[in-house]
Amino acid sequence: MLTAELERGLLRGEDAPGAELVLQELRRSARDTGRSSSRAGSLARLFFQPLEPFLVDDTAAHNHPGRIARVSLDPIWQWVCRDLLPGEAKAVTEEVARAHADGDVERTEALTRAFQDRTVQRMQEALAAAQSDDKTRRRLVAQVGTPRAIQDVEAILSVLQARDRLTAIGRRLPSHIKNLADTTLDDVKALLDSPLACDRYIFLFALLLVMSRLAAPWQLVRLATRAASSDSAARVAETHYAIAVAIVLAEIERMVGELKAELRSGRGVATGALLKGIHDAARGMRTEINMSVDSPWGKQLAALRAEISNLLKAEIESMPGRVRRLLRPRPAKEISPSSRLDPDDVAETVALIEFVGICRNYAGELAVSEMTQRSYSDVQHYLDVSAPALVEAVRHAGDHDRVFRQSQLNAAAKFCAKLFGPEYASTLTKAASIAASAERKTAGAKS
């Protein structure tokens, strides 16, 4: 509902501060949860519609072969409306809004297509002028306003020029490819080798179309090894399918950047999925292509694995310290009456233990095997030793510190559930209950 309302406002020409940023996050959330959202028929959205399979949610400065950062679309649209076709853009925007409001789909599409064609012509003129004059080139870069201005314009130009052929390729591809192998691999490669995709730029975008249909995007490299009839990196590099490897490496790099942002934000919502995606892609690359450590692709993949290891190191190595800080034995004089552990602190530590557990699953490819094993063993040993002591602390607690001791034992049970399983945690909880009951009976007998 919020997405629809914001888009209707933009269609009416309202300039709500931050609307585009909010819309980007809403659309990303919808994509992550598998929900689709209806989008208003503004000229900008219809104009960029052919680019949808080639958009990437990443920083505008990151180089993805053939792909365009979604955040770059707004400054590029402003450049089109302000510098390329200012009067025409305003007039067509109003016509499209009226046609959309009337439900006239054919007219809406015709207006958009004509505007795309006119923009293509002006883009070609702008790029040609920039190639022949350095001052004009610098002015064009400043006008577009994105970190990769020339490359972005060239990519948009190529997609709009090839929109019909790319649509034809898209129609002949399966809507979803669970496993790019056997006859499916042969059929896709035959399509990419056909006259439809013979042009160099169309071939690049056709590869990206294929990747957008793959359940496991890294499987795109199988086209390269099939083309080379070998898994040798040197043989693959000699084919025009070598660009598929560059596409997959750029995608791994994008996921590493997203993982870095997630870890910095502290939300941890998508870390598990990102770790799995990075792990699967790195393993797939190493399995499908025989890369020596000295090859350019081998060096790039090794650098990415090292970056991941450095990213995860601080999180993984902080786990034992956080558990100890929460569960350490404390003299009664350090405990405020009826105080307890901070529930948020406990929940964050549980989430950290889960995170390290996920890292253990993918430790080999992510180059974190030793540190995850060390941290996990350290915490398991600590809980093995400290759990009985926590039970005894509850058993002998007084009115002053009983609530705090019980909160420590409850936290330990949650940690144990993640490290040893629910059965162990259940046993610890029962022991705590018996200890607390015994203490109450002792207190009652004394009174």
Protein backbone atom coordinates (compact mmCIF):
# COMPACT_ATOMS: atom_id res chain seq x y z
CA MET A 1 0.00 0.00 0.00
CA LEU A 2 2.82 2.39 0.86
CA THR A 3 4.62 1.56 -2.40
CA ALA A 4 1.48 2.21 -4.44
CA GLU A 5 0.76 5.52 -2.70
CA LEU A 6 4.32 6.82 -3.13
CA GLU A 7 4.33 5.88 -6.82
CA ARG A 8 0.96 7.58 -7.40
CA GLY A 9 2.39 10.70 -5.79
CA LEU A 10 5.42 10.67 -8.08
CA LEU A 11 3.11 10.16 -11.05
CA ARG A 12 1.17 13.27 -10.03
CA GLY A 13 4.45 15.19 -9.99
CA GLU A 14 4.73 15.46 -6.19
CA ASP A 15 8.33 15.72 -5.02
CA ALA A 16 8.20 14.04 -1.61
CA PRO A 17 11.63 14.18 0.11
CA GLY A 18 13.23 10.73 0.22
CA ALA A 19 10.42 9.07 -1.76
CA GLU A 20 12.74 7.34 -4.23
CA LEU A 21 14.97 6.04 -1.43
CA VAL A 22 11.99 4.65 0.46
CA LEU A 23 10.64 3.06 -2.73
CA GLN A 24 14.00 1.37 -3.37
CA GLU A 25 13.93 -0.23 0.09
CA LEU A 26 10.27 -1.25 -0.27
CA ARG A 27 10.93 -2.89 -3.64
CA ARG A 28 14.00 -4.65 -2.28
CA SER A 29 11.98 -5.97 0.65
CA ALA A 30 9.28 -7.19 -1.74
CA ARG A 31 11.89 -8.97 -3.89
CA ASP A 32 13.56 -10.58 -0.85
CA THR A 33 10.24 -11.98 0.38
CA GLY A 34 9.09 -13.10 -3.05
CA ARG A 35 6.23 -10.61 -3.25
CA SER A 36 5.57 -8.48 -6.30
CA SER A 37 4.23 -4.96 -6.19
CA SER A 38 2.17 -3.21 -8.81
CA ARG A 39 3.89 -0.12 -10.10
CA ALA A 40 2.37 3.03 -11.41
CA GLY A 41 2.69 3.73 -15.12
CA SER A 42 4.96 6.77 -15.00
CA LEU A 43 7.07 7.42 -18.08
CA ALA A 44 10.32 6.88 -16.13
CA ARG A 45 9.30 3.41 -15.00
CA LEU A 46 8.03 2.41 -18.43
CA PHE A 47 11.14 3.87 -20.07
CA PHE A 48 13.47 1.77 -17.90
CA GLN A 49 11.33 -1.38 -18.01
CA PRO A 50 13.54 -3.15 -20.64
CA LEU A 51 16.47 -2.74 -18.25
CA GLU A 52 14.86 -4.64 -15.36
CA PRO A 53 16.76 -7.95 -15.89
CA PHE A 54 20.04 -6.03 -15.98
CA LEU A 55 19.61 -3.86 -12.88
CA VAL A 56 21.63 -4.63 -9.78
CA ASP A 57 21.15 -3.50 -6.18
CA ASP A 58 24.66 -2.29 -5.52
CA THR A 59 26.67 0.89 -5.24
CA ALA A 60 26.76 2.92 -8.43
CA ALA A 61 30.58 2.73 -8.54
CA HIS A 62 30.82 -1.06 -8.65
CA ASN A 63 31.62 -2.44 -12.09
CA HIS A 64 29.24 -5.22 -13.17
CA PRO A 65 29.69 -6.24 -16.83
CA GLY A 66 26.53 -5.17 -18.66
CA ARG A 67 24.62 -4.30 -15.49
CA ILE A 68 23.41 -0.96 -14.17
CA ALA A 69 23.06 0.00 -10.52
CA ARG A 70 19.42 0.65 -9.69
CA VAL A 71 20.44 3.77 -7.76
CA SER A 72 21.83 5.24 -11.00
CA LEU A 73 18.45 5.34 -12.75
CA ASP A 74 17.18 8.49 -11.06
CA PRO A 75 20.18 10.72 -11.97
CA ILE A 76 20.15 9.29 -15.51
CA TRP A 77 16.44 10.05 -15.88
CA GLN A 78 17.02 13.59 -14.63
CA TRP A 79 19.76 13.97 -17.25
CA VAL A 80 17.39 12.75 -20.00
CA CYS A 81 14.64 15.16 -18.93
CA ARG A 82 16.92 18.11 -18.21
CA ASP A 83 19.58 17.94 -20.94
CA LEU A 84 18.60 15.51 -23.69
CA LEU A 85 14.88 16.03 -24.30
CA PRO A 86 13.63 18.63 -21.79
CA GLY A 87 10.46 19.86 -23.53
CA GLU A 88 9.56 16.52 -25.04
CA ALA A 89 10.07 14.64 -21.77
CA LYS A 90 7.56 16.88 -19.98
CA ALA A 91 4.97 16.61 -22.75
CA VAL A 92 5.27 12.83 -23.09
CA THR A 93 5.16 12.39 -19.30
CA GLU A 94 1.78 14.16 -19.25
CA GLU A 95 0.48 12.15 -22.22
CA VAL A 96 1.53 8.84 -20.64
CA ALA A 97 -0.11 9.80 -17.36
CA ARG A 98 -3.39 10.51 -19.17
CA ALA A 99 -3.21 7.31 -21.23
CA HIS A 100 -2.46 5.29 -18.11
CA ALA A 101 -5.33 6.89 -16.22
CA ASP A 102 -7.66 6.02 -19.13
CA GLY A 103 -6.42 2.44 -19.14
CA ASP A 104 -5.17 2.81 -22.73
CA VAL A 105 -2.32 0.29 -22.64
CA GLU A 106 -1.57 0.42 -26.38
CA ARG A 107 -1.18 4.19 -26.42
CA THR A 108 0.93 4.10 -23.26
CA GLU A 109 3.28 1.56 -24.85
CA ALA A 110 3.43 3.44 -28.16
CA LEU A 111 4.28 6.73 -26.44
CA THR A 112 6.97 5.06 -24.33
CA ARG A 113 8.52 3.26 -27.29
CA ALA A 114 8.65 6.44 -29.40
CA PHE A 115 10.27 8.31 -26.52
CA GLN A 116 12.82 5.50 -26.07
CA ASP A 117 13.71 5.71 -29.78
CA ARG A 118 14.14 9.47 -29.62
CA THR A 119 16.30 9.13 -26.48
CA VAL A 120 18.48 6.50 -28.16
CA GLN A 121 19.16 8.94 -31.01
CA ARG A 122 20.11 11.74 -28.61
CA MET A 123 22.27 9.39 -26.49
CA GLN A 124 24.17 8.33 -29.59
CA GLU A 125 24.78 11.97 -30.50
CA ALA A 126 25.94 12.79 -26.96
CA LEU A 127 28.36 9.83 -26.83
CA ALA A 128 29.74 10.60 -30.31
CA ALA A 129 30.43 14.21 -29.31
CA ALA A 130 32.07 13.05 -26.06
CA GLN A 131 34.40 10.70 -27.94
CA SER A 132 35.74 13.45 -30.17
CA ASP A 133 36.24 16.13 -27.51
CA ASP A 134 37.60 15.69 -23.98
CA LYS A 135 35.88 18.83 -22.67
CA THR A 136 32.52 17.59 -23.98
CA ARG A 137 33.18 14.22 -22.37
CA ARG A 138 33.85 15.82 -18.97
CA ARG A 139 30.67 17.89 -19.30
CA LEU A 140 28.64 14.76 -20.16
CA VAL A 141 30.04 12.92 -17.14
CA ALA A 142 29.11 15.84 -14.89
CA GLN A 143 25.60 16.08 -16.37
CA VAL A 144 24.82 12.37 -15.96
CA GLY A 145 26.19 12.49 -12.42
CA THR A 146 26.86 8.79 -11.78
CA PRO A 147 30.31 7.36 -10.92
CA ARG A 148 30.35 5.32 -14.16
CA ALA A 149 28.47 7.81 -16.31
CA ILE A 150 29.74 6.83 -19.78
CA GLN A 151 29.45 3.09 -19.10
CA ASP A 152 25.92 3.52 -17.70
CA VAL A 153 24.75 5.46 -20.75
CA GLU A 154 26.36 2.92 -23.10
CA ALA A 155 24.63 0.03 -21.30
CA ILE A 156 21.21 1.72 -21.41
CA LEU A 157 21.73 2.60 -25.07
CA SER A 158 22.66 -1.00 -25.94
CA VAL A 159 19.64 -2.46 -24.13
CA LEU A 160 17.17 -0.04 -25.71
CA GLN A 161 18.60 -0.66 -29.18
CA ALA A 162 18.38 -4.43 -28.71
CA ARG A 163 15.10 -4.53 -26.74
CA ASP A 164 13.18 -6.54 -29.36
CA ARG A 165 15.91 -9.15 -29.81
CA LEU A 166 16.43 -9.43 -26.06
CA THR A 167 12.68 -9.89 -25.63
CA ALA A 168 12.77 -12.67 -28.23
CA ILE A 169 15.66 -14.35 -26.41
CA GLY A 170 13.84 -14.01 -23.10
CA ARG A 171 10.74 -15.68 -24.52
CA ARG A 172 12.76 -18.68 -25.70
CA LEU A 173 14.47 -19.16 -22.34
CA PRO A 174 12.83 -21.21 -19.56
CA SER A 175 11.24 -18.95 -16.95
CA HIS A 176 13.20 -20.73 -14.20
CA ILE A 177 16.26 -22.96 -14.53
CA LYS A 178 16.80 -25.09 -11.45
CA ASN A 179 19.91 -26.79 -12.79
CA LEU A 180 21.82 -25.64 -15.87
CA ALA A 181 22.99 -29.03 -17.08
CA ASP A 182 22.48 -31.72 -19.71
CA THR A 183 19.91 -30.86 -22.39
CA THR A 184 18.98 -27.57 -20.73
CA LEU A 185 22.61 -26.45 -20.93
CA ASP A 186 22.80 -27.52 -24.58
CA ASP A 187 19.55 -25.72 -25.47
CA VAL A 188 20.59 -22.47 -23.76
CA LYS A 189 24.01 -22.52 -25.41
CA ALA A 190 22.41 -23.16 -28.83
CA LEU A 191 20.20 -20.09 -28.29
CA LEU A 192 23.20 -17.95 -27.31
CA ASP A 193 25.11 -19.16 -30.38
CA SER A 194 22.19 -18.36 -32.69
CA PRO A 195 21.98 -15.21 -34.88
CA LEU A 196 19.69 -13.65 -32.24
CA ALA A 197 22.68 -13.16 -29.90
CA CYS A 198 25.52 -12.88 -32.39
CA ASP A 199 26.26 -9.22 -31.65
CA ARG A 200 28.87 -8.73 -28.90
CA TYR A 201 26.70 -6.48 -26.74
CA ILE A 202 23.56 -8.55 -27.23
CA PHE A 203 25.55 -11.66 -26.26
CA LEU A 204 26.55 -10.02 -22.98
CA PHE A 205 22.97 -9.07 -22.13
CA ALA A 206 21.73 -12.49 -23.24
CA LEU A 207 24.11 -14.06 -20.71
CA LEU A 208 22.69 -11.78 -18.03
CA LEU A 209 19.17 -12.80 -19.05
CA VAL A 210 20.16 -16.43 -18.57
CA MET A 211 21.65 -15.65 -15.14
CA SER A 212 18.42 -13.93 -14.08
CA ARG A 213 16.57 -17.22 -14.71
CA LEU A 214 19.03 -19.43 -12.80
CA ALA A 215 18.24 -20.74 -9.33
CA ALA A 216 22.03 -20.76 -8.76
CA PRO A 217 23.50 -17.78 -10.70
CA TRP A 218 27.06 -19.16 -10.49
CA GLN A 219 26.04 -21.98 -12.86
CA LEU A 220 26.43 -19.46 -15.68
CA VAL A 221 30.12 -20.50 -15.84
CA ARG A 222 29.01 -23.92 -17.16
CA LEU A 223 28.31 -22.25 -20.48
CA ALA A 224 31.94 -21.15 -20.60
CA THR A 225 33.35 -24.59 -19.84
CA ARG A 226 31.00 -26.17 -22.38
CA ALA A 227 32.12 -23.65 -25.02
CA ALA A 228 35.79 -24.44 -24.27
CA SER A 229 35.13 -28.21 -24.06
CA SER A 230 37.40 -28.04 -21.03
CA ASP A 231 37.47 -26.90 -17.40
CA SER A 232 40.91 -25.34 -17.89
CA ALA A 233 40.85 -21.64 -17.00
CA ALA A 234 43.29 -20.90 -19.82
CA ARG A 235 41.08 -22.65 -22.38
CA VAL A 236 37.94 -20.94 -21.08
CA ALA A 237 39.65 -17.53 -21.23
CA GLU A 238 40.25 -17.99 -24.96
CA THR A 239 36.49 -18.22 -25.73
CA HIS A 240 34.03 -15.33 -26.00
CA TYR A 241 32.15 -17.02 -23.13
CA ALA A 242 34.93 -15.94 -20.75
CA ILE A 243 32.78 -12.91 -19.90
CA ALA A 244 30.44 -15.33 -18.06
CA VAL A 245 33.20 -15.91 -15.49
CA ALA A 246 33.67 -12.15 -15.04
CA ILE A 247 29.91 -11.78 -14.52
CA VAL A 248 29.86 -14.43 -11.77
CA LEU A 249 32.95 -13.01 -10.03
CA ALA A 250 31.32 -9.55 -10.04
CA GLU A 251 28.19 -11.11 -8.51
CA ILE A 252 30.25 -12.72 -5.72
CA GLU A 253 31.90 -9.35 -5.12
CA ARG A 254 28.46 -7.73 -4.91
CA MET A 255 27.31 -10.28 -2.31
CA VAL A 256 30.48 -9.69 -0.26
CA GLY A 257 29.73 -5.95 -0.28
CA GLU A 258 26.16 -6.62 0.81
CA LEU A 259 27.40 -8.91 3.60
CA LYS A 260 29.71 -6.13 4.77
CA ALA A 261 26.78 -3.69 4.89
CA GLU A 262 24.62 -6.20 6.79
CA LEU A 263 27.31 -6.80 9.40
CA ARG A 264 27.84 -3.06 9.87
CA SER A 265 24.12 -2.43 10.25
CA GLY A 266 23.83 -5.00 13.03
CA ARG A 267 20.48 -6.22 11.65
CA GLY A 268 21.81 -9.58 10.50
CA VAL A 269 18.57 -10.24 8.60
CA ALA A 270 20.15 -11.52 5.39
CA THR A 271 23.55 -12.76 6.61
CA GLY A 272 22.64 -16.45 6.48
CA ALA A 273 21.36 -16.26 2.92
CA LEU A 274 24.33 -14.17 1.82
CA LEU A 275 26.84 -16.55 3.37
CA LYS A 276 25.17 -19.48 1.63
CA GLY A 277 25.10 -17.63 -1.69
CA ILE A 278 28.77 -16.65 -1.44
CA HIS A 279 29.77 -20.15 -0.32
CA ASP A 280 27.86 -21.87 -3.13
CA ALA A 281 29.21 -19.49 -5.77
CA ALA A 282 32.83 -19.78 -4.62
CA ARG A 283 32.60 -23.57 -4.42
CA GLY A 284 30.88 -23.70 -7.80
CA MET A 285 33.62 -21.64 -9.41
CA ARG A 286 36.36 -23.85 -7.93
CA THR A 287 34.50 -27.02 -8.91
CA GLU A 288 33.59 -26.05 -12.47
CA ILE A 289 36.83 -24.32 -13.48
CA ASN A 290 40.37 -25.55 -12.87
CA MET A 291 41.97 -22.28 -11.78
CA SER A 292 45.59 -22.08 -10.69
CA VAL A 293 46.35 -19.76 -7.77
CA ASP A 294 48.45 -17.60 -10.10
CA SER A 295 45.73 -17.13 -12.75
CA PRO A 296 43.86 -13.79 -12.80
CA TRP A 297 40.57 -15.47 -11.89
CA GLY A 298 42.26 -17.55 -9.20
CA LYS A 299 43.82 -14.42 -7.66
CA GLN A 300 40.49 -12.56 -7.77
CA LEU A 301 38.63 -15.42 -6.07
CA ALA A 302 41.39 -15.79 -3.45
CA ALA A 303 41.21 -12.04 -2.70
CA LEU A 304 37.44 -12.28 -2.23
CA ARG A 305 37.81 -15.25 0.14
CA ALA A 306 40.43 -13.32 2.15
CA GLU A 307 38.10 -10.31 2.36
CA ILE A 308 35.27 -12.53 3.62
CA SER A 309 37.56 -14.07 6.23
CA ASN A 310 38.56 -10.62 7.49
CA LEU A 311 34.93 -9.52 7.57
CA LEU A 312 33.83 -12.49 9.65
CA LYS A 313 36.83 -12.65 11.96
CA ALA A 314 35.74 -9.95 14.42
CA GLU A 315 32.20 -11.36 14.70
CA ILE A 316 33.33 -14.96 15.19
CA GLU A 317 36.10 -14.17 17.68
CA SER A 318 33.83 -11.93 19.77
CA MET A 319 31.42 -14.79 20.62
CA PRO A 320 33.35 -16.41 23.53
CA GLY A 321 33.91 -13.04 25.20
CA ARG A 322 30.23 -12.09 24.99
CA VAL A 323 29.11 -15.39 26.49
CA ARG A 324 31.65 -15.10 29.34
CA ARG A 325 30.65 -11.51 30.08
CA LEU A 326 27.01 -12.49 30.53
CA LEU A 327 27.53 -15.71 32.49
CA ARG A 328 30.60 -14.92 34.63
CA PRO A 329 30.19 -15.64 38.36
CA ARG A 330 29.56 -12.46 40.31
CA PRO A 331 29.69 -11.87 44.04
CA ALA A 332 26.34 -10.87 45.56
CA LYS A 333 27.66 -7.39 46.40
CA GLU A 334 28.04 -6.62 42.64
CA ILE A 335 24.38 -7.44 41.94
CA SER A 336 21.62 -4.88 42.35
CA PRO A 337 18.44 -6.14 44.04
CA SER A 338 16.07 -7.90 41.61
CA SER A 339 18.24 -6.97 38.62
CA ARG A 340 18.58 -9.28 35.62
CA LEU A 341 20.53 -9.63 32.40
CA ASP A 342 19.49 -7.30 29.60
CA PRO A 343 17.12 -9.38 27.38
CA ASP A 344 18.36 -7.55 24.26
CA ASP A 345 21.95 -8.39 25.15
CA VAL A 346 21.00 -12.06 25.58
CA ALA A 347 19.05 -12.09 22.29
CA GLU A 348 21.98 -10.52 20.42
CA THR A 349 24.34 -13.15 21.84
CA VAL A 350 21.97 -15.94 20.79
CA ALA A 351 21.89 -14.42 17.30
CA LEU A 352 25.71 -14.26 17.29
CA ILE A 353 25.94 -17.96 18.24
CA GLU A 354 23.53 -18.76 15.39
CA PHE A 355 25.65 -16.66 13.04
CA VAL A 356 28.85 -18.48 13.99
CA GLY A 357 26.98 -21.76 13.53
CA ILE A 358 26.10 -20.70 10.00
CA CYS A 359 29.73 -19.74 9.38
CA ARG A 360 30.76 -23.25 10.48
CA ASN A 361 28.54 -24.75 7.78
CA TYR A 362 30.36 -22.78 5.10
CA ALA A 363 33.76 -22.44 6.81
CA GLY A 364 35.84 -24.22 4.17
CA GLU A 365 34.99 -22.00 1.19
CA LEU A 366 34.88 -18.85 3.33
CA ALA A 367 38.37 -19.50 4.79
CA VAL A 368 37.18 -19.33 8.42
CA SER A 369 37.48 -23.02 9.45
CA GLU A 370 40.12 -22.55 12.13
CA MET A 371 38.60 -19.50 13.81
CA THR A 372 35.05 -20.90 13.87
CA GLN A 373 36.22 -24.21 15.31
CA ARG A 374 38.27 -22.42 17.96
CA SER A 375 35.44 -20.09 19.02
CA TYR A 376 32.84 -22.86 19.02
CA SER A 377 35.03 -25.21 21.08
CA ASP A 378 35.90 -22.41 23.50
CA VAL A 379 32.24 -21.58 24.18
CA GLN A 380 31.17 -25.22 24.39
CA HIS A 381 33.87 -25.93 26.96
CA TYR A 382 32.96 -22.81 28.94
CA LEU A 383 29.27 -23.74 29.07
CA ASP A 384 30.08 -27.33 30.00
CA VAL A 385 32.06 -26.08 32.99
CA SER A 386 29.93 -23.07 33.98
CA ALA A 387 26.41 -24.57 33.63
CA PRO A 388 26.63 -26.71 36.81
CA ALA A 389 28.05 -23.73 38.68
CA LEU A 390 25.13 -21.57 37.52
CA VAL A 391 22.67 -24.20 38.78
CA GLU A 392 24.39 -24.18 42.17
CA ALA A 393 24.36 -20.38 42.22
CA VAL A 394 20.58 -20.42 41.80
CA ARG A 395 20.26 -23.11 44.48
CA HIS A 396 22.10 -20.98 47.02
CA ALA A 397 20.85 -17.55 45.94
CA GLY A 398 19.19 -15.23 48.38
CA ASP A 399 16.29 -12.84 47.86
CA HIS A 400 18.77 -10.15 46.85
CA ASP A 401 20.40 -11.95 43.89
CA ARG A 402 18.02 -14.79 42.97
CA VAL A 403 16.41 -12.99 39.99
CA PHE A 404 19.81 -12.18 38.48
CA ARG A 405 21.19 -15.70 39.00
CA GLN A 406 18.06 -17.16 37.41
CA SER A 407 18.38 -14.82 34.40
CA GLN A 408 21.98 -16.03 33.92
CA LEU A 409 20.85 -19.65 34.00
CA ASN A 410 18.01 -18.93 31.56
CA ALA A 411 20.51 -17.28 29.21
CA ALA A 412 22.84 -20.28 29.52
CA ALA A 413 19.95 -22.58 28.58
CA LYS A 414 19.32 -20.51 25.42
CA PHE A 415 23.01 -20.61 24.51
CA CYS A 416 23.16 -24.37 25.11
CA ALA A 417 20.11 -24.91 22.90
CA LYS A 418 22.08 -23.41 20.00
CA LEU A 419 25.36 -25.17 20.79
CA PHE A 420 24.32 -28.59 22.12
CA GLY A 421 20.70 -28.91 21.04
CA PRO A 422 17.29 -28.50 22.72
CA GLU A 423 17.60 -31.73 24.74
CA TYR A 424 20.67 -30.51 26.60
CA ALA A 425 19.02 -27.12 27.18
CA SER A 426 15.87 -28.83 28.49
CA THR A 427 17.93 -30.84 30.98
CA LEU A 428 19.63 -27.65 32.19
CA THR A 429 16.26 -25.90 32.55
CA LYS A 430 14.88 -28.79 34.61
CA ALA A 431 17.95 -28.73 36.84
CA ALA A 432 17.45 -25.01 37.36
CA SER A 433 13.78 -25.56 38.24
CA ILE A 434 14.70 -28.26 40.78
CA ALA A 435 17.40 -26.05 42.25
CA ALA A 436 15.01 -23.11 42.63
CA SER A 437 12.33 -25.36 44.14
CA ALA A 438 14.83 -26.83 46.61
CA GLU A 439 15.90 -23.37 47.67
CA ARG A 440 12.28 -22.31 48.26
CA LYS A 441 11.66 -25.42 50.41
CA THR A 442 14.83 -24.77 52.42
CA ALA A 443 13.82 -21.16 52.94
CA GLY A 444 10.32 -22.26 54.03
CA ALA A 445 11.70 -24.79 56.53
CA LYS A 446 13.97 -22.19 58.09
CA SER A 447 11.09 -19.75 58.52
